[in-house]
């Protein structure tokens, strides 16, 4: 297994979400918790660490006070993805596995996320969750 991408001898990918999350590609329906055009970043480094964040584009009201109410906190978190950890590549199956060490959802800490990967165009990476092949995330490398 090797790490994703080689750029001038250094392995590093930092990308922005450019095509949103094509949830239910066959149905053409956007996830109402994320909206039609969520934004985000994904990061892979040469030491084998990674991080991902995806923010929904649906309305998320500001907190009324300095601390959120339980309902405000719930509304802010719905549809937001954030985790970090290490990663490994299996070139034979064309998958990248994110080994989550920390996650905004405590139930996913320690749970691996396996994604099929494909490279499209010069700088685009498409990740498809193995458990949900109708959902695709298209990332473009930051230059």
C-alpha atoms as a PDB file:
ATOM      1  CA  UNK A   1       0.000   0.000   0.000  1.00  0.00           C
ATOM      2  CA  UNK A   2       1.118   3.530  -0.677  1.00  0.00           C
ATOM      3  CA  UNK A   3      -0.130   6.971   0.161  1.00  0.00           C
ATOM      4  CA  UNK A   4      -2.295   9.029  -2.209  1.00  0.00           C
ATOM      5  CA  UNK A   5      -0.542  11.339  -4.651  1.00  0.00           C
ATOM      6  CA  UNK A   6       3.084  12.223  -5.296  1.00  0.00           C
ATOM      7  CA  UNK A   7       3.774  15.870  -5.947  1.00  0.00           C
ATOM      8  CA  UNK A   8       7.454  16.733  -6.441  1.00  0.00           C
ATOM      9  CA  UNK A   9       8.558  13.805  -4.270  1.00  0.00           C
ATOM     10  CA  UNK A  10       6.286  14.892  -1.406  1.00  0.00           C
ATOM     11  CA  UNK A  11       3.064  13.060  -0.748  1.00  0.00           C
ATOM     12  CA  UNK A  12       0.378  15.588   0.039  1.00  0.00           C
ATOM     13  CA  UNK A  13      -3.176  16.189  -1.052  1.00  0.00           C
ATOM     14  CA  UNK A  14      -5.317  19.054   0.148  1.00  0.00           C
ATOM     15  CA  UNK A  15      -8.579  19.311  -1.720  1.00  0.00           C
ATOM     16  CA  UNK A  16     -11.887  21.169  -1.615  1.00  0.00           C
ATOM     17  CA  UNK A  17     -15.273  19.607  -2.200  1.00  0.00           C
ATOM     18  CA  UNK A  18     -16.290  20.838  -5.652  1.00  0.00           C
ATOM     19  CA  UNK A  19     -19.226  18.733  -6.756  1.00  0.00           C
ATOM     20  CA  UNK A  20     -20.981  18.397  -3.469  1.00  0.00           C
ATOM     21  CA  UNK A  21     -22.178  15.054  -2.297  1.00  0.00           C
ATOM     22  CA  UNK A  22     -24.094  13.222  -4.934  1.00  0.00           C
ATOM     23  CA  UNK A  23     -26.266  11.318  -2.513  1.00  0.00           C
ATOM     24  CA  UNK A  24     -28.625   8.980  -4.253  1.00  0.00           C
ATOM     25  CA  UNK A  25     -26.946   9.603  -7.616  1.00  0.00           C
ATOM     26  CA  UNK A  26     -29.583   7.482  -9.280  1.00  0.00           C
ATOM     27  CA  UNK A  27     -32.453   9.472  -7.772  1.00  0.00           C
ATOM     28  CA  UNK A  28     -30.826  12.870  -8.277  1.00  0.00           C
ATOM     29  CA  UNK A  29     -32.020  13.999  -4.841  1.00  0.00           C
ATOM     30  CA  UNK A  30     -29.826  16.096  -2.544  1.00  0.00           C
ATOM     31  CA  UNK A  31     -29.582  15.133   1.125  1.00  0.00           C
ATOM     32  CA  UNK A  32     -31.852  17.640   2.933  1.00  0.00           C
ATOM     33  CA  UNK A  33     -29.492  17.668   5.936  1.00  0.00           C
ATOM     34  CA  UNK A  34     -26.570  18.746   3.745  1.00  0.00           C
ATOM     35  CA  UNK A  35     -28.259  20.792   1.037  1.00  0.00           C
ATOM     36  CA  UNK A  36     -27.430  20.781  -2.661  1.00  0.00           C
ATOM     37  CA  UNK A  37     -23.912  22.238  -2.411  1.00  0.00           C
ATOM     38  CA  UNK A  38     -22.065  21.357   0.810  1.00  0.00           C
ATOM     39  CA  UNK A  39     -18.478  22.594   1.108  1.00  0.00           C
ATOM     40  CA  UNK A  40     -15.462  21.019   2.687  1.00  0.00           C
ATOM     41  CA  UNK A  41     -11.799  20.078   2.798  1.00  0.00           C
ATOM     42  CA  UNK A  42      -9.953  16.777   2.813  1.00  0.00           C
ATOM     43  CA  UNK A  43      -6.284  16.425   3.684  1.00  0.00           C
ATOM     44  CA  UNK A  44      -3.814  13.579   3.267  1.00  0.00           C
ATOM     45  CA  UNK A  45      -0.137  13.935   4.267  1.00  0.00           C
ATOM     46  CA  UNK A  46       3.059  11.970   3.688  1.00  0.00           C
ATOM     47  CA  UNK A  47       3.138  10.644   7.258  1.00  0.00           C
ATOM     48  CA  UNK A  48      -0.190   8.851   6.741  1.00  0.00           C
ATOM     49  CA  UNK A  49      -2.507  11.311   8.487  1.00  0.00           C
ATOM     50  CA  UNK A  50      -5.765  12.621   7.105  1.00  0.00           C
ATOM     51  CA  UNK A  51      -8.659  14.892   8.042  1.00  0.00           C
ATOM     52  CA  UNK A  52     -12.011  15.689   6.452  1.00  0.00           C
ATOM     53  CA  UNK A  53     -14.688  18.288   7.094  1.00  0.00           C
ATOM     54  CA  UNK A  54     -17.928  18.840   5.219  1.00  0.00           C
ATOM     55  CA  UNK A  55     -20.272  21.701   6.071  1.00  0.00           C
ATOM     56  CA  UNK A  56     -23.863  21.717   4.822  1.00  0.00           C
ATOM     57  CA  UNK A  57     -25.117  24.623   2.760  1.00  0.00           C
ATOM     58  CA  UNK A  58     -28.567  24.606   4.339  1.00  0.00           C
ATOM     59  CA  UNK A  59     -29.451  27.501   6.646  1.00  0.00           C
ATOM     60  CA  UNK A  60     -27.841  27.153  10.065  1.00  0.00           C
ATOM     61  CA  UNK A  61     -28.964  29.989  12.359  1.00  0.00           C
ATOM     62  CA  UNK A  62     -26.527  31.721  14.692  1.00  0.00           C
ATOM     63  CA  UNK A  63     -26.788  30.993  18.393  1.00  0.00           C
ATOM     64  CA  UNK A  64     -28.980  33.428  20.327  1.00  0.00           C
ATOM     65  CA  UNK A  65     -26.466  33.582  23.190  1.00  0.00           C
ATOM     66  CA  UNK A  66     -22.836  32.765  23.843  1.00  0.00           C
ATOM     67  CA  UNK A  67     -23.730  29.077  24.422  1.00  0.00           C
ATOM     68  CA  UNK A  68     -26.152  27.172  22.200  1.00  0.00           C
ATOM     69  CA  UNK A  69     -29.398  25.781  23.457  1.00  0.00           C
ATOM     70  CA  UNK A  70     -29.732  22.011  22.961  1.00  0.00           C
ATOM     71  CA  UNK A  71     -31.899  22.639  19.882  1.00  0.00           C
ATOM     72  CA  UNK A  72     -29.409  25.176  18.438  1.00  0.00           C
ATOM     73  CA  UNK A  73     -26.538  22.714  18.955  1.00  0.00           C
ATOM     74  CA  UNK A  74     -28.492  19.907  17.286  1.00  0.00           C
ATOM     75  CA  UNK A  75     -29.390  22.114  14.312  1.00  0.00           C
ATOM     76  CA  UNK A  76     -25.766  23.200  13.898  1.00  0.00           C
ATOM     77  CA  UNK A  77     -24.469  19.613  13.866  1.00  0.00           C
ATOM     78  CA  UNK A  78     -27.009  17.949  11.578  1.00  0.00           C
ATOM     79  CA  UNK A  79     -25.347  17.229   8.246  1.00  0.00           C
ATOM     80  CA  UNK A  80     -21.876  18.342   9.397  1.00  0.00           C
ATOM     81  CA  UNK A  81     -19.050  15.833   9.011  1.00  0.00           C
ATOM     82  CA  UNK A  82     -15.670  16.212  10.706  1.00  0.00           C
ATOM     83  CA  UNK A  83     -13.087  13.558  11.494  1.00  0.00           C
ATOM     84  CA  UNK A  84      -9.345  12.891  11.488  1.00  0.00           C
ATOM     85  CA  UNK A  85      -6.975   9.977  11.811  1.00  0.00           C
ATOM     86  CA  UNK A  86      -4.707   7.931   9.591  1.00  0.00           C
ATOM     87  CA  UNK A  87      -5.299   6.365   6.209  1.00  0.00           C
ATOM     88  CA  UNK A  88      -4.180   3.397   4.147  1.00  0.00           C
ATOM     89  CA  UNK A  89      -4.482   2.596   0.457  1.00  0.00           C
ATOM     90  CA  UNK A  90      -5.275  -0.731  -1.157  1.00  0.00           C
ATOM     91  CA  UNK A  91      -4.352  -0.320  -4.827  1.00  0.00           C
ATOM     92  CA  UNK A  92      -5.720  -3.750  -5.732  1.00  0.00           C
ATOM     93  CA  UNK A  93      -9.265  -2.845  -4.640  1.00  0.00           C
ATOM     94  CA  UNK A  94      -8.786   0.880  -5.375  1.00  0.00           C
ATOM     95  CA  UNK A  95      -9.887   1.828  -1.868  1.00  0.00           C
ATOM     96  CA  UNK A  96      -8.660   4.266   0.743  1.00  0.00           C
ATOM     97  CA  UNK A  97      -9.489   3.500   4.359  1.00  0.00           C
ATOM     98  CA  UNK A  98      -9.825   6.373   6.817  1.00  0.00           C
ATOM     99  CA  UNK A  99      -8.939   5.076  10.284  1.00  0.00           C
ATOM    100  CA  UNK A 100     -10.876   7.565  12.409  1.00  0.00           C
ATOM    101  CA  UNK A 101      -9.130   8.591  15.636  1.00  0.00           C
ATOM    102  CA  UNK A 102     -11.426  11.538  16.348  1.00  0.00           C
ATOM    103  CA  UNK A 103     -14.865  12.434  15.026  1.00  0.00           C
ATOM    104  CA  UNK A 104     -17.631  14.949  15.642  1.00  0.00           C
ATOM    105  CA  UNK A 105     -19.859  11.863  16.052  1.00  0.00           C
ATOM    106  CA  UNK A 106     -18.412  10.022  19.075  1.00  0.00           C
ATOM    107  CA  UNK A 107     -19.951   6.763  17.902  1.00  0.00           C
ATOM    108  CA  UNK A 108     -17.661   6.735  14.848  1.00  0.00           C
ATOM    109  CA  UNK A 109     -14.337   7.109  16.700  1.00  0.00           C
ATOM    110  CA  UNK A 110     -12.349   3.975  15.925  1.00  0.00           C
ATOM    111  CA  UNK A 111     -14.684   2.978  13.088  1.00  0.00           C
ATOM    112  CA  UNK A 112     -12.982   2.773   9.682  1.00  0.00           C
ATOM    113  CA  UNK A 113     -14.503   4.511   6.655  1.00  0.00           C
ATOM    114  CA  UNK A 114     -13.668   2.702   3.409  1.00  0.00           C
ATOM    115  CA  UNK A 115     -13.948   4.665   0.159  1.00  0.00           C
ATOM    116  CA  UNK A 116     -13.444   3.575  -3.421  1.00  0.00           C
ATOM    117  CA  UNK A 117     -11.286   6.135  -5.178  1.00  0.00           C
ATOM    118  CA  UNK A 118     -10.919   7.236  -8.757  1.00  0.00           C
ATOM    119  CA  UNK A 119      -9.007  10.065 -10.327  1.00  0.00           C
ATOM    120  CA  UNK A 120     -10.930  12.250 -12.765  1.00  0.00           C
ATOM    121  CA  UNK A 121      -9.508  15.072 -14.849  1.00  0.00           C
ATOM    122  CA  UNK A 122      -6.099  16.343 -13.797  1.00  0.00           C
ATOM    123  CA  UNK A 123      -6.744  17.198 -10.158  1.00  0.00           C
ATOM    124  CA  UNK A 124     -10.029  15.570  -9.156  1.00  0.00           C
ATOM    125  CA  UNK A 125     -10.506  12.731  -6.726  1.00  0.00           C
ATOM    126  CA  UNK A 126     -13.854  10.961  -6.476  1.00  0.00           C
ATOM    127  CA  UNK A 127     -14.533   9.039  -3.265  1.00  0.00           C
ATOM    128  CA  UNK A 128     -17.451   6.627  -3.025  1.00  0.00           C
ATOM    129  CA  UNK A 129     -18.349   5.004   0.308  1.00  0.00           C
ATOM    130  CA  UNK A 130     -18.185   1.220  -0.077  1.00  0.00           C
ATOM    131  CA  UNK A 131     -21.307   0.843   2.080  1.00  0.00           C
ATOM    132  CA  UNK A 132     -23.242   3.406  -0.004  1.00  0.00           C
ATOM    133  CA  UNK A 133     -22.213   3.287  -3.680  1.00  0.00           C
ATOM    134  CA  UNK A 134     -24.952   5.738  -4.660  1.00  0.00           C
ATOM    135  CA  UNK A 135     -23.161   8.515  -2.742  1.00  0.00           C
ATOM    136  CA  UNK A 136     -20.110  10.182  -4.326  1.00  0.00           C
ATOM    137  CA  UNK A 137     -17.877  13.047  -3.194  1.00  0.00           C
ATOM    138  CA  UNK A 138     -15.820  14.897  -5.796  1.00  0.00           C
ATOM    139  CA  UNK A 139     -12.760  16.736  -4.479  1.00  0.00           C
ATOM    140  CA  UNK A 140     -10.386  19.036  -6.370  1.00  0.00           C
ATOM    141  CA  UNK A 141      -6.767  19.470  -5.316  1.00  0.00           C
ATOM    142  CA  UNK A 142      -5.871  22.988  -4.137  1.00  0.00           C
ATOM    143  CA  UNK A 143      -3.027  24.474  -6.127  1.00  0.00           C
END
